[in-house]
Protein backbone atom coordinates (compact mmCIF):
# COMPACT_ATOMS: atom_id res chain seq x y z
CA MET A 1 161.36 132.64 118.51
CA ASN A 2 161.32 135.44 115.92
CA THR A 3 162.71 138.87 116.80
CA ASN A 4 159.35 140.66 117.08
CA LEU A 5 157.91 138.05 119.41
CA ARG A 6 161.04 138.01 121.57
CA GLN A 7 160.99 141.80 121.87
CA THR A 8 157.31 141.83 122.80
CA VAL A 9 158.07 139.19 125.43
CA THR A 10 160.82 141.46 126.74
CA VAL A 11 158.44 144.40 127.00
CA LEU A 12 155.89 142.67 129.15
CA LEU A 13 158.28 140.74 131.31
CA GLY A 14 160.11 143.95 132.05
CA MET A 15 157.04 145.53 133.58
CA SER A 16 154.91 142.64 134.70
CA LEU A 17 155.31 143.37 138.39
CA GLY A 18 154.27 146.99 138.37
CA ILE A 19 152.76 147.04 141.86
CA GLY A 20 152.79 144.61 144.74
CA LEU A 21 155.73 143.82 147.02
CA SER A 22 156.99 146.76 149.08
CA LEU A 23 160.72 147.34 148.59
CA SER A 24 162.95 147.85 151.61
CA ALA A 25 165.78 148.98 149.34
CA SER A 26 165.47 151.79 146.82
CA ALA A 27 163.30 151.05 143.79
CA GLN A 28 166.37 151.28 141.56
CA ASP A 29 167.84 148.24 143.34
CA ALA A 30 164.95 145.99 142.34
CA ALA A 31 165.56 142.91 140.21
CA LEU A 32 162.99 141.02 138.19
CA SER A 33 163.22 137.48 136.84
CA GLY A 34 160.54 136.45 134.37
CA VAL A 35 159.49 133.67 132.03
CA ALA A 36 157.14 133.83 129.05
CA VAL A 37 155.05 130.73 128.36
CA ARG A 38 152.27 129.40 126.18
CA VAL A 39 149.83 127.61 128.49
CA ASN A 40 148.25 124.49 126.97
CA PRO A 41 144.55 124.87 126.02
CA GLY A 42 142.22 124.34 128.97
CA LYS A 43 145.09 124.30 131.47
CA MET A 44 145.20 127.94 132.62
CA ASP A 45 143.39 127.43 135.94
CA GLU A 46 145.59 124.48 136.83
CA TYR A 47 148.71 126.37 135.79
CA LEU A 48 147.87 129.41 137.92
CA SER A 49 147.02 127.13 140.86
CA ARG A 50 150.50 125.61 140.69
CA VAL A 51 152.12 129.00 140.38
CA LYS A 52 150.27 130.02 143.55
CA LYS A 53 151.74 126.98 145.31
CA LEU A 54 155.20 128.16 144.29
CA GLN A 55 154.51 131.42 146.12
CA GLY A 56 153.60 129.40 149.22
CA VAL A 57 156.89 127.51 149.08
CA MET A 58 158.82 130.77 148.67
CA ASP A 59 157.06 132.19 151.72
CA ARG A 60 158.13 129.10 153.69
CA LEU A 61 161.71 129.59 152.52
CA ASP A 62 161.55 133.29 153.45
CA VAL A 63 162.28 134.29 149.86
CA LYS A 64 161.84 138.05 149.44
CA ALA A 65 159.87 137.93 146.21
CA SER A 66 156.33 137.84 144.91
CA ILE A 67 154.97 136.03 141.85
CA GLU A 68 152.57 137.63 139.38
CA ALA A 69 151.11 136.30 136.13
CA TRP A 70 150.01 138.48 133.23
CA GLN A 71 148.44 137.64 129.89
CA VAL A 72 148.98 139.72 126.76
CA THR A 73 145.72 141.08 125.34
CA ALA A 74 147.32 143.18 122.59
CA GLY A 75 150.90 142.52 121.58
CA GLY A 76 151.09 141.32 118.01
CA PRO A 77 152.51 137.77 117.81
CA ALA A 78 152.81 137.62 121.62
CA THR A 79 149.04 138.03 122.16
CA GLY A 80 147.82 135.26 124.44
CA THR A 81 151.25 134.67 125.95
CA THR A 82 151.35 134.37 129.74
CA PHE A 83 154.18 136.01 131.68
CA VAL A 84 155.15 134.83 135.14
CA ALA A 85 157.59 137.11 136.94
CA LEU A 86 159.28 137.27 140.31
CA GLU A 87 160.43 140.64 141.65
CA TYR A 88 163.14 140.93 144.29
CA PRO A 89 164.27 143.95 146.33
CA SER A 90 167.79 143.61 144.88
CA LEU A 91 170.09 141.43 142.79
CA VAL A 92 171.58 140.15 146.04
CA ALA A 93 168.13 139.01 147.19
CA TYR A 94 167.63 137.38 143.78
CA ALA A 95 170.87 135.41 144.12
CA GLU A 96 170.09 134.34 147.68
CA SER A 97 166.55 133.24 146.83
CA THR A 98 167.75 131.27 143.81
CA THR A 99 170.06 129.27 146.07
CA LYS A 100 167.17 128.54 148.43
CA THR A 101 164.67 127.46 145.76
CA GLN A 102 167.16 125.36 143.80
CA GLY A 103 167.92 123.40 146.95
CA ASP A 104 164.28 122.83 147.94
CA PRO A 105 162.73 119.50 146.78
CA GLU A 106 159.13 120.77 146.97
CA PHE A 107 159.89 123.82 144.84
CA GLN A 108 161.74 121.76 142.25
CA LYS A 109 158.93 119.18 142.10
CA LEU A 110 156.38 121.93 141.47
CA ILE A 111 158.55 123.43 138.71
CA ALA A 112 158.94 120.02 137.05
CA GLY A 113 155.17 119.52 137.17
CA LEU A 114 154.62 122.65 135.08
CA ASP A 115 156.17 121.02 132.01
CA GLY A 116 152.92 119.27 131.12
CA LEU A 117 150.96 122.52 131.29
CA ARG A 118 153.02 125.00 129.29
CA THR A 119 155.78 125.65 126.77
CA ILE A 120 158.52 128.09 127.74
CA GLN A 121 159.28 130.75 125.14
CA SER A 122 161.89 132.90 126.88
CA SER A 123 163.34 133.96 130.22
CA SER A 124 164.87 137.29 131.25
CA LEU A 125 166.40 139.27 134.11
CA TYR A 126 165.87 143.02 134.61
CA ARG A 127 166.84 145.84 136.97
CA GLN A 128 164.67 148.84 137.73
CA ILE A 129 166.26 152.17 136.76
CA SER A 130 163.44 154.64 137.51
CA GLY A 131 160.07 154.92 139.18
CA PRO A 132 158.48 154.01 142.51
CA GLY A 133 158.75 150.71 144.30
CA ARG A 134 155.95 148.18 144.61
CA GLU A 135 153.19 148.88 147.12
CA GLY A 136 150.31 146.57 147.99
CA ASP A 137 148.97 143.56 146.13
CA VAL A 138 148.23 143.33 142.43
CA PRO A 139 144.52 142.65 141.91
CA LYS A 140 143.36 140.58 138.97
CA GLY A 141 142.26 142.78 136.10
CA THR A 142 145.06 145.32 136.55
CA VAL A 143 146.11 146.64 133.13
CA LEU A 144 149.68 147.18 131.96
CA GLN A 145 150.59 149.33 128.95
CA THR A 146 154.23 149.02 127.88
CA VAL A 147 156.74 150.30 125.37
CA SER A 148 160.16 148.75 124.75
CA VAL A 149 162.95 150.86 123.26
CA ARG A 150 166.61 150.85 122.30
CA VAL A 151 168.16 154.01 123.73
CA LYS A 152 170.97 155.52 121.67
CA PRO A 153 174.50 155.24 123.15
CA GLY A 154 175.21 157.82 125.83
CA ARG A 155 171.59 158.97 126.04
CA LEU A 156 170.20 156.74 128.81
CA ASP A 157 170.38 159.38 131.55
CA ASP A 158 168.71 161.94 129.26
CA TYR A 159 166.03 159.45 128.33
CA VAL A 160 165.22 158.58 131.94
CA ALA A 161 165.10 162.30 132.79
CA LYS A 162 162.50 162.80 130.03
CA ILE A 163 160.45 159.92 131.40
CA GLU A 164 160.49 161.61 134.81
CA LYS A 165 159.03 164.73 133.15
CA LEU A 166 156.31 162.60 131.61
CA ARG A 167 155.56 161.23 135.06
CA LYS A 168 155.06 164.79 136.38
CA ILE A 169 152.76 165.65 133.49
CA SER A 170 150.75 162.53 134.19
CA LYS A 171 150.28 163.63 137.79
CA ARG A 172 149.29 167.15 136.66
CA LEU A 173 146.60 165.64 134.47
CA GLY A 174 145.28 163.58 137.37
CA ALA A 175 146.02 160.31 135.58
CA SER A 176 145.69 157.23 137.79
CA ASN A 177 148.72 155.29 136.65
CA THR A 178 152.01 154.05 138.05
CA MET A 179 155.05 154.49 135.79
CA ARG A 180 158.17 152.33 136.14
CA VAL A 181 161.27 151.89 133.99
CA TRP A 182 163.37 148.72 133.68
CA GLN A 183 166.43 147.65 131.71
CA ALA A 184 167.13 144.10 130.55
CA THR A 185 170.42 142.80 132.00
CA ALA A 186 170.12 139.21 130.73
CA ALA A 187 167.59 138.71 127.93
CA GLY A 188 169.45 137.34 124.93
CA GLU A 189 169.32 139.66 121.94
CA ALA A 190 167.05 142.00 123.93
CA THR A 191 169.71 142.68 126.60
CA GLY A 192 170.02 146.43 127.15
CA THR A 193 166.46 147.13 126.07
CA VAL A 194 164.68 149.75 128.19
CA VAL A 195 161.06 149.10 129.13
CA VAL A 196 158.63 151.82 130.22
CA GLY A 197 155.28 150.76 131.63
CA LEU A 198 152.08 152.46 132.73
CA ILE A 199 149.99 150.45 135.18
CA TYR A 200 146.25 151.03 135.66
CA LYS A 201 143.78 149.49 138.08
CA ASP A 202 141.44 148.41 135.27
CA LEU A 203 140.65 148.83 131.57
CA ALA A 204 138.22 151.72 132.17
CA THR A 205 140.92 153.70 133.98
CA TYR A 206 143.39 152.96 131.22
CA ALA A 207 140.96 154.28 128.60
CA ALA A 208 140.15 157.44 130.58
CA ASP A 209 143.80 158.24 131.33
CA SER A 210 144.86 157.57 127.74
CA THR A 211 142.37 160.20 126.60
CA LYS A 212 143.79 162.75 129.07
CA ILE A 213 147.39 162.04 128.03
CA GLN A 214 146.81 161.99 124.28
CA GLY A 215 145.02 165.33 124.46
CA ASP A 216 147.80 167.15 126.32
CA ALA A 217 150.12 169.28 124.16
CA GLU A 218 153.04 169.20 126.62
CA TRP A 219 152.91 165.39 126.82
CA GLN A 220 152.81 165.04 123.04
CA LYS A 221 155.75 167.42 122.58
CA LEU A 222 157.88 165.50 125.07
CA VAL A 223 157.04 162.14 123.49
CA ALA A 224 157.92 163.48 120.06
CA GLY A 225 161.29 164.60 121.43
CA LEU A 226 162.07 161.10 122.63
CA ASP A 227 162.44 159.92 119.04
CA LYS A 228 165.83 161.65 118.89
CA MET A 229 167.25 159.39 121.57
CA ARG A 230 165.52 156.04 121.08
CA THR A 231 164.17 153.47 118.67
CA VAL A 232 160.83 151.91 119.60
CA VAL A 233 161.00 148.12 119.49
CA SER A 234 157.41 147.22 120.39
CA VAL A 235 154.36 148.12 122.45
CA GLY A 236 151.89 145.95 124.31
CA LEU A 237 148.91 145.71 126.63
CA ALA A 238 148.47 143.00 129.26
CA ARG A 239 146.04 142.04 132.03
CA ASN A 240 146.88 140.58 135.41
CA VAL A 241 145.47 137.05 135.74
CA GLY A 242 146.77 136.04 139.16
CA PRO A 243 147.75 133.78 140.71
């Protein structure tokens, strides 16, 4: 996979579970494991059906995670890619659940059956470093706007603090979004990348909120100041497709 595509994959995987499972631990403890795939033509419904069955098996195994699938609608070479991600309350929960699923014949059979429906492009593991936890289910049609950056050495705390200020401005403007920040802990060449995402209930809300944000002088000044502490890798827009 070329660098641009891999980085775009990183962006959307890092934020693909913006809302959903309630976290018993703090949001900053959350871990996310994701895989980017190209679903074979005409196989999307069948693929999502099988992913839904995986969720059923995890519920039986008492795995503390929830599966969501997103499809990139605007992301350069990654457009059309489907991202399936599992979010856990912590890295400990991730490790425990992995042991359970790897030892379950039904889960492994379902995973093996996916090979005829898709081609894997990448897999990644993230930890949440800022923002609220997940609350409620993720309805189909939810929109995710993301930006992936490389933060300059020693500036991560400053960068996250600036993002928190942007969150406050967003609330002042009455924007209807949820903002979360993740960092890649195991993502190949993208390891260390910081992902910021804005989650909206639908495309109309995204458009309305974008207008509010882009027209606010304080927001624009803060965003301009971020350039001193980061390098933007890629941006993207995705839509929740299930399962």
